Amino acid sequence: MANKKKPSKKTSAIVNRRASFDYALGDELQVGVALTGPETRAARDGHIQLKGSFVTIKDNELWLNNASFSLKINEKNKENARSIDTSPRKLLAKRKQIDELAERKQAGMSIVPLRLLTKGRYIKIIIALGKGKKNYDKRETLKRRDQERDVARAIKSV
């Protein structure tokens, strides 16, 4: 009998969970990402980390910085060899959207990637405007989350 390969579990979204903890998030915007072949394969396989990544505006274009793409290396006698690439990638948005983001960024907001969507034909990224949280805001968020968890546990046990 032939050995059948199990289908690899592909994720349809890569989430930056740290963004909602570090930033008070505002408006979200879905934009495209300009990727090469190996980068697209890494995205579809879920080999991307958005933790610590951010978006900058340079020459009236959006750029995704510090996102870790784990690219597959095709070398003999090396199975699943990968290299990490954190070079900037261009984000595809309309001029009006870029101008609005640039205006809000001048007011002290940051542009943070939240999710990378790979479900359809195109690879999209959801970015949001955010204001950085202070340490006391982060502690408040943790406290509120613990209280909500305790309440949910109490309701479930009743």
N, C-alpha and C. Protein backbone atom coordinates (compact mmCIF):
# COMPACT_ATOMS: atom_id res chain seq x y z
N MET A 1 0.82 -1.18 0.00
CA MET A 1 0.00 0.00 0.00
C MET A 1 0.87 1.25 0.00
N ALA A 2 0.44 2.21 -0.72
CA ALA A 2 1.18 3.48 -0.78
C ALA A 2 0.87 4.32 0.46
N ASN A 3 1.92 4.95 0.98
CA ASN A 3 1.70 5.83 2.13
C ASN A 3 1.07 7.13 1.65
N LYS A 4 -0.03 7.47 2.27
CA LYS A 4 -0.70 8.72 1.90
C LYS A 4 -0.23 9.83 2.83
N LYS A 5 0.09 10.96 2.23
CA LYS A 5 0.50 12.11 3.03
C LYS A 5 -0.73 12.75 3.65
N LYS A 6 -0.58 13.15 4.88
CA LYS A 6 -1.66 13.91 5.51
C LYS A 6 -1.63 15.32 4.94
N PRO A 7 -2.80 15.86 4.64
CA PRO A 7 -2.80 17.23 4.12
C PRO A 7 -2.30 18.19 5.20
N SER A 8 -1.40 19.07 4.81
CA SER A 8 -0.87 20.01 5.78
C SER A 8 -1.95 21.01 6.15
N LYS A 9 -2.01 21.34 7.43
CA LYS A 9 -3.03 22.27 7.90
C LYS A 9 -2.57 23.68 7.60
N LYS A 10 -3.23 24.31 6.66
CA LYS A 10 -2.85 25.66 6.26
C LYS A 10 -3.74 26.67 6.98
N THR A 11 -3.13 27.71 7.45
CA THR A 11 -3.88 28.74 8.13
C THR A 11 -4.37 29.76 7.12
N SER A 12 -5.56 30.30 7.36
CA SER A 12 -6.08 31.30 6.45
C SER A 12 -5.76 32.70 6.94
N ALA A 13 -5.30 32.82 8.20
CA ALA A 13 -4.95 34.14 8.73
C ALA A 13 -3.82 34.00 9.74
N ILE A 14 -2.85 34.88 9.63
CA ILE A 14 -1.77 34.96 10.61
C ILE A 14 -2.06 36.21 11.44
N VAL A 15 -2.14 36.05 12.75
CA VAL A 15 -2.61 37.12 13.63
C VAL A 15 -1.46 37.68 14.45
N ASN A 16 -1.43 38.99 14.59
CA ASN A 16 -0.48 39.68 15.45
C ASN A 16 -1.20 39.96 16.77
N ARG A 17 -1.14 39.02 17.70
CA ARG A 17 -1.86 39.15 18.96
C ARG A 17 -1.26 40.23 19.85
N ARG A 18 0.00 40.51 19.67
CA ARG A 18 0.69 41.50 20.50
C ARG A 18 0.20 42.93 20.20
N ALA A 19 -0.31 43.17 18.99
CA ALA A 19 -0.72 44.51 18.59
C ALA A 19 -1.83 45.06 19.47
N SER A 20 -2.82 44.24 19.77
CA SER A 20 -3.94 44.73 20.58
C SER A 20 -3.53 44.94 22.03
N PHE A 21 -2.45 44.33 22.45
CA PHE A 21 -1.96 44.51 23.81
C PHE A 21 -1.11 45.78 23.91
N ASP A 22 -0.31 46.06 22.90
CA ASP A 22 0.62 47.19 22.93
C ASP A 22 -0.01 48.50 22.45
N TYR A 23 -1.12 48.43 21.70
CA TYR A 23 -1.71 49.63 21.11
C TYR A 23 -3.20 49.70 21.38
N ALA A 24 -3.70 50.92 21.53
CA ALA A 24 -5.14 51.17 21.53
C ALA A 24 -5.50 51.36 20.05
N LEU A 25 -6.16 50.37 19.48
CA LEU A 25 -6.36 50.33 18.03
C LEU A 25 -7.58 51.13 17.60
N GLY A 26 -7.49 51.70 16.40
CA GLY A 26 -8.57 52.48 15.83
C GLY A 26 -9.05 51.87 14.52
N ASP A 27 -9.09 52.70 13.49
CA ASP A 27 -9.61 52.29 12.19
C ASP A 27 -8.74 51.21 11.55
N GLU A 28 -9.41 50.23 10.94
CA GLU A 28 -8.72 49.16 10.24
C GLU A 28 -8.82 49.37 8.74
N LEU A 29 -7.83 48.87 8.01
CA LEU A 29 -7.79 49.02 6.57
C LEU A 29 -7.18 47.75 5.98
N GLN A 30 -7.81 47.23 4.93
CA GLN A 30 -7.30 46.03 4.27
C GLN A 30 -6.54 46.44 3.02
N VAL A 31 -5.25 46.03 2.95
CA VAL A 31 -4.40 46.39 1.82
C VAL A 31 -3.72 45.14 1.29
N GLY A 32 -3.22 45.22 0.07
CA GLY A 32 -2.50 44.11 -0.54
C GLY A 32 -1.02 44.16 -0.19
N VAL A 33 -0.32 43.07 -0.45
CA VAL A 33 1.11 42.98 -0.18
C VAL A 33 1.80 42.50 -1.46
N ALA A 34 2.88 43.18 -1.84
CA ALA A 34 3.66 42.77 -3.00
C ALA A 34 4.71 41.75 -2.53
N LEU A 35 4.55 40.48 -2.96
CA LEU A 35 5.42 39.39 -2.52
C LEU A 35 6.00 38.66 -3.73
N THR A 36 7.14 38.00 -3.50
CA THR A 36 7.72 37.12 -4.52
C THR A 36 7.17 35.71 -4.31
N GLY A 37 7.57 34.79 -5.15
CA GLY A 37 7.09 33.41 -5.07
C GLY A 37 7.36 32.73 -3.74
N PRO A 38 8.63 32.68 -3.29
CA PRO A 38 8.91 32.02 -2.01
C PRO A 38 8.22 32.70 -0.82
N GLU A 39 8.06 34.02 -0.89
CA GLU A 39 7.36 34.73 0.18
C GLU A 39 5.88 34.36 0.20
N THR A 40 5.29 34.20 -0.98
CA THR A 40 3.90 33.79 -1.08
C THR A 40 3.71 32.38 -0.51
N ARG A 41 4.65 31.48 -0.81
CA ARG A 41 4.56 30.12 -0.30
C ARG A 41 4.67 30.12 1.22
N ALA A 42 5.57 30.93 1.77
CA ALA A 42 5.71 31.02 3.21
C ALA A 42 4.43 31.54 3.85
N ALA A 43 3.79 32.51 3.21
CA ALA A 43 2.55 33.07 3.73
C ALA A 43 1.44 32.02 3.71
N ARG A 44 1.32 31.29 2.62
CA ARG A 44 0.26 30.29 2.53
C ARG A 44 0.49 29.13 3.50
N ASP A 45 1.75 28.84 3.80
CA ASP A 45 2.06 27.77 4.75
C ASP A 45 2.01 28.25 6.20
N GLY A 46 1.88 29.55 6.41
CA GLY A 46 1.79 30.08 7.76
C GLY A 46 3.14 30.32 8.42
N HIS A 47 4.20 30.46 7.63
CA HIS A 47 5.55 30.66 8.17
C HIS A 47 5.91 32.15 8.19
N ILE A 48 5.04 32.95 8.83
CA ILE A 48 5.26 34.39 8.94
C ILE A 48 4.97 34.81 10.37
N GLN A 49 5.76 35.76 10.86
CA GLN A 49 5.50 36.34 12.18
C GLN A 49 5.35 37.84 12.02
N LEU A 50 4.24 38.38 12.54
CA LEU A 50 4.00 39.81 12.49
C LEU A 50 4.36 40.51 13.79
N LYS A 51 4.77 39.74 14.79
CA LYS A 51 5.12 40.33 16.07
C LYS A 51 6.30 41.29 15.91
N GLY A 52 6.12 42.51 16.38
CA GLY A 52 7.18 43.50 16.29
C GLY A 52 7.24 44.21 14.95
N SER A 53 6.33 43.90 14.03
CA SER A 53 6.36 44.55 12.73
C SER A 53 5.57 45.86 12.77
N PHE A 54 5.87 46.74 11.83
CA PHE A 54 5.21 48.03 11.78
C PHE A 54 5.18 48.52 10.34
N VAL A 55 4.36 49.54 10.09
CA VAL A 55 4.21 50.08 8.75
C VAL A 55 4.74 51.50 8.73
N THR A 56 5.53 51.82 7.71
CA THR A 56 6.04 53.18 7.54
C THR A 56 5.56 53.73 6.20
N ILE A 57 5.62 55.05 6.10
CA ILE A 57 5.28 55.71 4.84
C ILE A 57 6.55 56.36 4.32
N LYS A 58 6.99 55.90 3.14
CA LYS A 58 8.23 56.41 2.54
C LYS A 58 7.95 56.71 1.07
N ASP A 59 8.21 57.92 0.64
CA ASP A 59 7.96 58.34 -0.74
C ASP A 59 6.50 58.11 -1.14
N ASN A 60 5.58 58.44 -0.25
CA ASN A 60 4.14 58.26 -0.48
C ASN A 60 3.76 56.81 -0.80
N GLU A 61 4.46 55.85 -0.21
CA GLU A 61 4.15 54.44 -0.34
C GLU A 61 4.16 53.81 1.05
N LEU A 62 3.35 52.80 1.25
CA LEU A 62 3.32 52.07 2.51
C LEU A 62 4.31 50.92 2.45
N TRP A 63 5.09 50.74 3.51
CA TRP A 63 6.07 49.66 3.59
C TRP A 63 5.89 48.89 4.88
N LEU A 64 5.84 47.56 4.79
CA LEU A 64 5.78 46.69 5.96
C LEU A 64 7.20 46.34 6.37
N ASN A 65 7.57 46.73 7.59
CA ASN A 65 8.93 46.51 8.08
C ASN A 65 8.93 45.47 9.19
N ASN A 66 10.03 44.72 9.27
CA ASN A 66 10.32 43.82 10.38
C ASN A 66 9.36 42.63 10.50
N ALA A 67 8.67 42.29 9.43
CA ALA A 67 7.85 41.07 9.42
C ALA A 67 8.75 39.91 9.03
N SER A 68 8.74 38.83 9.80
CA SER A 68 9.64 37.70 9.58
C SER A 68 9.01 36.68 8.64
N PHE A 69 9.60 36.52 7.47
CA PHE A 69 9.19 35.51 6.51
C PHE A 69 10.20 34.38 6.57
N SER A 70 9.75 33.17 6.86
CA SER A 70 10.63 32.01 6.91
C SER A 70 10.61 31.34 5.54
N LEU A 71 11.60 31.66 4.72
CA LEU A 71 11.64 31.20 3.33
C LEU A 71 12.34 29.85 3.21
N LYS A 72 11.78 29.00 2.36
CA LYS A 72 12.35 27.69 2.14
C LYS A 72 13.57 27.80 1.23
N ILE A 73 14.66 27.10 1.58
CA ILE A 73 15.87 27.09 0.78
C ILE A 73 15.94 25.75 0.05
N ASN A 74 16.14 25.80 -1.24
CA ASN A 74 16.23 24.57 -2.03
C ASN A 74 17.70 24.19 -2.18
N GLU A 75 18.18 23.35 -1.27
CA GLU A 75 19.55 22.85 -1.36
C GLU A 75 19.52 21.33 -1.26
N LYS A 76 20.51 20.72 -1.88
CA LYS A 76 20.59 19.26 -1.82
C LYS A 76 20.89 18.80 -0.40
N ASN A 77 20.35 17.66 -0.05
CA ASN A 77 20.59 16.98 1.23
C ASN A 77 20.16 17.81 2.45
N LYS A 78 19.35 18.81 2.24
CA LYS A 78 18.85 19.60 3.37
C LYS A 78 17.34 19.63 3.28
N GLU A 79 16.69 18.95 4.21
CA GLU A 79 15.25 18.92 4.20
C GLU A 79 14.67 20.04 5.03
N ASN A 80 13.70 20.73 4.47
CA ASN A 80 13.01 21.82 5.15
C ASN A 80 13.97 22.89 5.67
N ALA A 81 15.03 23.17 4.94
CA ALA A 81 15.95 24.24 5.34
C ALA A 81 15.27 25.57 5.07
N ARG A 82 15.34 26.47 6.03
CA ARG A 82 14.65 27.75 5.92
C ARG A 82 15.58 28.89 6.32
N SER A 83 15.35 30.05 5.75
CA SER A 83 16.08 31.24 6.16
C SER A 83 15.06 32.33 6.51
N ILE A 84 15.40 33.16 7.48
CA ILE A 84 14.51 34.22 7.92
C ILE A 84 14.83 35.50 7.16
N ASP A 85 13.80 36.12 6.60
CA ASP A 85 13.97 37.36 5.84
C ASP A 85 13.06 38.42 6.45
N THR A 86 13.64 39.55 6.85
CA THR A 86 12.85 40.63 7.46
C THR A 86 12.93 41.92 6.64
N SER A 87 13.24 41.81 5.36
CA SER A 87 13.35 43.01 4.54
C SER A 87 11.98 43.66 4.34
N PRO A 88 11.95 44.97 4.06
CA PRO A 88 10.67 45.67 3.90
C PRO A 88 9.92 45.20 2.66
N ARG A 89 8.59 45.16 2.78
CA ARG A 89 7.73 44.78 1.65
C ARG A 89 6.73 45.89 1.38
N LYS A 90 6.46 46.12 0.13
CA LYS A 90 5.56 47.19 -0.26
C LYS A 90 4.11 46.76 -0.05
N LEU A 91 3.32 47.67 0.53
CA LEU A 91 1.89 47.44 0.70
C LEU A 91 1.14 48.21 -0.38
N LEU A 92 0.07 47.62 -0.87
CA LEU A 92 -0.67 48.18 -1.99
C LEU A 92 -1.99 48.77 -1.49
N ALA A 93 -2.08 50.11 -1.55
CA ALA A 93 -3.29 50.80 -1.12
C ALA A 93 -3.55 51.95 -2.08
N LYS A 94 -4.74 52.51 -2.00
CA LYS A 94 -5.10 53.64 -2.85
C LYS A 94 -4.46 54.91 -2.31
N ARG A 95 -4.22 55.84 -3.22
CA ARG A 95 -3.57 57.11 -2.86
C ARG A 95 -4.33 57.84 -1.76
N LYS A 96 -5.65 57.87 -1.85
CA LYS A 96 -6.47 58.56 -0.85
C LYS A 96 -6.28 57.94 0.53
N GLN A 97 -6.22 56.60 0.59
CA GLN A 97 -6.01 55.91 1.86
C GLN A 97 -4.63 56.20 2.43
N ILE A 98 -3.62 56.22 1.56
CA ILE A 98 -2.25 56.50 2.02
C ILE A 98 -2.15 57.92 2.55
N ASP A 99 -2.78 58.87 1.87
CA ASP A 99 -2.75 60.26 2.33
C ASP A 99 -3.42 60.41 3.69
N GLU A 100 -4.53 59.72 3.88
CA GLU A 100 -5.24 59.79 5.16
C GLU A 100 -4.38 59.17 6.28
N LEU A 101 -3.75 58.05 5.99
CA LEU A 101 -2.87 57.42 6.99
C LEU A 101 -1.69 58.32 7.32
N ALA A 102 -1.12 58.97 6.31
CA ALA A 102 0.02 59.86 6.54
C ALA A 102 -0.38 61.03 7.43
N GLU A 103 -1.57 61.56 7.20
CA GLU A 103 -2.07 62.67 8.01
C GLU A 103 -2.26 62.25 9.46
N ARG A 104 -2.82 61.06 9.68
CA ARG A 104 -3.06 60.57 11.04
C ARG A 104 -1.74 60.21 11.72
N LYS A 105 -0.78 59.73 10.94
CA LYS A 105 0.53 59.38 11.50
C LYS A 105 1.25 60.63 12.00
N GLN A 106 1.07 61.75 11.30
CA GLN A 106 1.67 63.01 11.74
C GLN A 106 1.10 63.45 13.09
N ALA A 107 -0.12 63.01 13.39
CA ALA A 107 -0.77 63.37 14.65
C ALA A 107 -0.34 62.46 15.80
N GLY A 108 0.65 61.61 15.59
CA GLY A 108 1.18 60.78 16.67
C GLY A 108 0.67 59.36 16.70
N MET A 109 -0.06 58.92 15.72
CA MET A 109 -0.58 57.55 15.67
C MET A 109 0.47 56.65 14.99
N SER A 110 0.38 55.36 15.27
CA SER A 110 1.24 54.37 14.63
C SER A 110 0.38 53.50 13.72
N ILE A 111 0.99 52.95 12.70
CA ILE A 111 0.29 52.03 11.80
C ILE A 111 0.83 50.63 12.09
N VAL A 112 -0.08 49.73 12.50
CA VAL A 112 0.31 48.41 12.98
C VAL A 112 -0.40 47.34 12.16
N PRO A 113 0.33 46.30 11.69
CA PRO A 113 -0.35 45.18 11.02
C PRO A 113 -1.03 44.27 12.05
N LEU A 114 -2.26 43.89 11.77
CA LEU A 114 -3.03 43.05 12.69
C LEU A 114 -3.11 41.60 12.21
N ARG A 115 -3.51 41.40 10.96
CA ARG A 115 -3.70 40.05 10.43
C ARG A 115 -3.22 39.99 8.98
N LEU A 116 -2.73 38.83 8.59
CA LEU A 116 -2.36 38.56 7.21
C LEU A 116 -3.33 37.51 6.71
N LEU A 117 -4.12 37.83 5.70
CA LEU A 117 -5.16 36.94 5.18
C LEU A 117 -4.67 36.23 3.93
N THR A 118 -4.78 34.90 3.90
CA THR A 118 -4.31 34.13 2.75
C THR A 118 -5.41 33.25 2.19
N LYS A 119 -6.65 33.55 2.50
CA LYS A 119 -7.74 32.66 2.12
C LYS A 119 -8.02 32.63 0.63
N GLY A 120 -8.13 33.77 -0.01
CA GLY A 120 -8.49 33.82 -1.42
C GLY A 120 -7.29 33.74 -2.34
N ARG A 121 -7.46 34.31 -3.50
CA ARG A 121 -6.40 34.29 -4.49
C ARG A 121 -5.26 35.23 -4.11
N TYR A 122 -5.62 36.35 -3.50
CA TYR A 122 -4.63 37.36 -3.15
C TYR A 122 -4.28 37.29 -1.67
N ILE A 123 -3.10 37.77 -1.34
CA ILE A 123 -2.68 37.83 0.06
C ILE A 123 -2.85 39.28 0.51
N LYS A 124 -3.67 39.46 1.53
CA LYS A 124 -3.99 40.79 2.02
C LYS A 124 -3.51 40.91 3.46
N ILE A 125 -3.31 42.15 3.89
CA ILE A 125 -2.94 42.39 5.28
C ILE A 125 -3.88 43.47 5.82
N ILE A 126 -4.32 43.27 7.05
CA ILE A 126 -5.18 44.24 7.71
C ILE A 126 -4.30 45.07 8.63
N ILE A 127 -4.28 46.38 8.37
CA ILE A 127 -3.50 47.29 9.20
C ILE A 127 -4.46 48.19 9.96
N ALA A 128 -3.99 48.74 11.07
CA ALA A 128 -4.84 49.62 11.88
C ALA A 128 -4.00 50.76 12.42
N LEU A 129 -4.68 51.87 12.65
CA LEU A 129 -4.05 52.99 13.34
C LEU A 129 -4.13 52.72 14.83
N GLY A 130 -3.05 52.98 15.53
CA GLY A 130 -3.04 52.72 16.96
C GLY A 130 -2.23 53.75 17.72
N LYS A 131 -2.59 53.95 18.94
CA LYS A 131 -1.85 54.83 19.84
C LYS A 131 -1.19 53.93 20.86
N GLY A 132 0.10 54.07 21.08
CA GLY A 132 0.83 53.22 22.01
C GLY A 132 0.30 53.30 23.43
N LYS A 133 0.18 52.16 24.09
CA LYS A 133 -0.30 52.11 25.47
C LYS A 133 0.87 52.28 26.43
N LYS A 134 0.60 52.87 27.55
CA LYS A 134 1.57 52.96 28.64
C LYS A 134 1.50 51.68 29.46
N ASN A 135 2.46 51.50 30.37
CA ASN A 135 2.48 50.28 31.19
C ASN A 135 1.23 50.16 32.05
N TYR A 136 0.74 51.27 32.60
CA TYR A 136 -0.44 51.17 33.45
C TYR A 136 -1.68 50.79 32.64
N ASP A 137 -1.73 51.20 31.36
CA ASP A 137 -2.83 50.78 30.50
C ASP A 137 -2.78 49.28 30.24
N LYS A 138 -1.57 48.75 30.05
CA LYS A 138 -1.41 47.32 29.80
C LYS A 138 -1.82 46.51 31.03
N ARG A 139 -1.44 47.01 32.24
CA ARG A 139 -1.84 46.32 33.46
C ARG A 139 -3.36 46.33 33.62
N GLU A 140 -3.97 47.44 33.26
CA GLU A 140 -5.44 47.54 33.32
C GLU A 140 -6.10 46.55 32.38
N THR A 141 -5.53 46.40 31.20
CA THR A 141 -6.06 45.43 30.22
C THR A 141 -5.97 44.01 30.78
N LEU A 142 -4.83 43.67 31.39
CA LEU A 142 -4.67 42.33 31.98
C LEU A 142 -5.67 42.11 33.10
N LYS A 143 -5.85 43.11 33.93
CA LYS A 143 -6.77 42.99 35.06
C LYS A 143 -8.20 42.78 34.56
N ARG A 144 -8.61 43.57 33.56
CA ARG A 144 -9.96 43.44 33.02
C ARG A 144 -10.16 42.07 32.38
N ARG A 145 -9.14 41.57 31.68
CA ARG A 145 -9.24 40.25 31.04
C ARG A 145 -9.39 39.15 32.09
N ASP A 146 -8.63 39.23 33.19
CA ASP A 146 -8.75 38.24 34.26
C ASP A 146 -10.13 38.28 34.90
N GLN A 147 -10.67 39.48 35.11
CA GLN A 147 -12.00 39.60 35.71
C GLN A 147 -13.06 39.00 34.80
N GLU A 148 -12.97 39.26 33.51
CA GLU A 148 -13.93 38.70 32.57
C GLU A 148 -13.84 37.18 32.53
N ARG A 149 -12.63 36.64 32.63
CA ARG A 149 -12.44 35.19 32.64
C ARG A 149 -13.06 34.59 33.89
N ASP A 150 -12.88 35.24 35.06
CA ASP A 150 -13.45 34.75 36.31
C ASP A 150 -14.98 34.77 36.26
N VAL A 151 -15.56 35.83 35.69
CA VAL A 151 -17.00 35.93 35.57
C VAL A 151 -17.54 34.84 34.66
N ALA A 152 -16.88 34.61 33.55
CA ALA A 152 -17.31 33.56 32.61
C ALA A 152 -17.22 32.20 33.27
N ARG A 153 -16.17 31.97 34.05
CA ARG A 153 -16.02 30.70 34.76
C ARG A 153 -17.12 30.51 35.79
N ALA A 154 -17.48 31.58 36.52
CA ALA A 154 -18.52 31.51 37.53
C ALA A 154 -19.88 31.23 36.90
N ILE A 155 -20.16 31.88 35.77
CA ILE A 155 -21.43 31.65 35.09
C ILE A 155 -21.50 30.23 34.56
N LYS A 156 -20.42 29.72 34.05
CA LYS A 156 -20.39 28.37 33.50
C LYS A 156 -20.61 27.32 34.59
N SER A 157 -20.09 27.56 35.78
CA SER A 157 -20.21 26.57 36.86
C SER A 157 -21.59 26.57 37.51
N VAL A 158 -22.38 27.62 37.28
CA VAL A 158 -23.73 27.71 37.90
C VAL A 158 -24.71 26.89 37.13
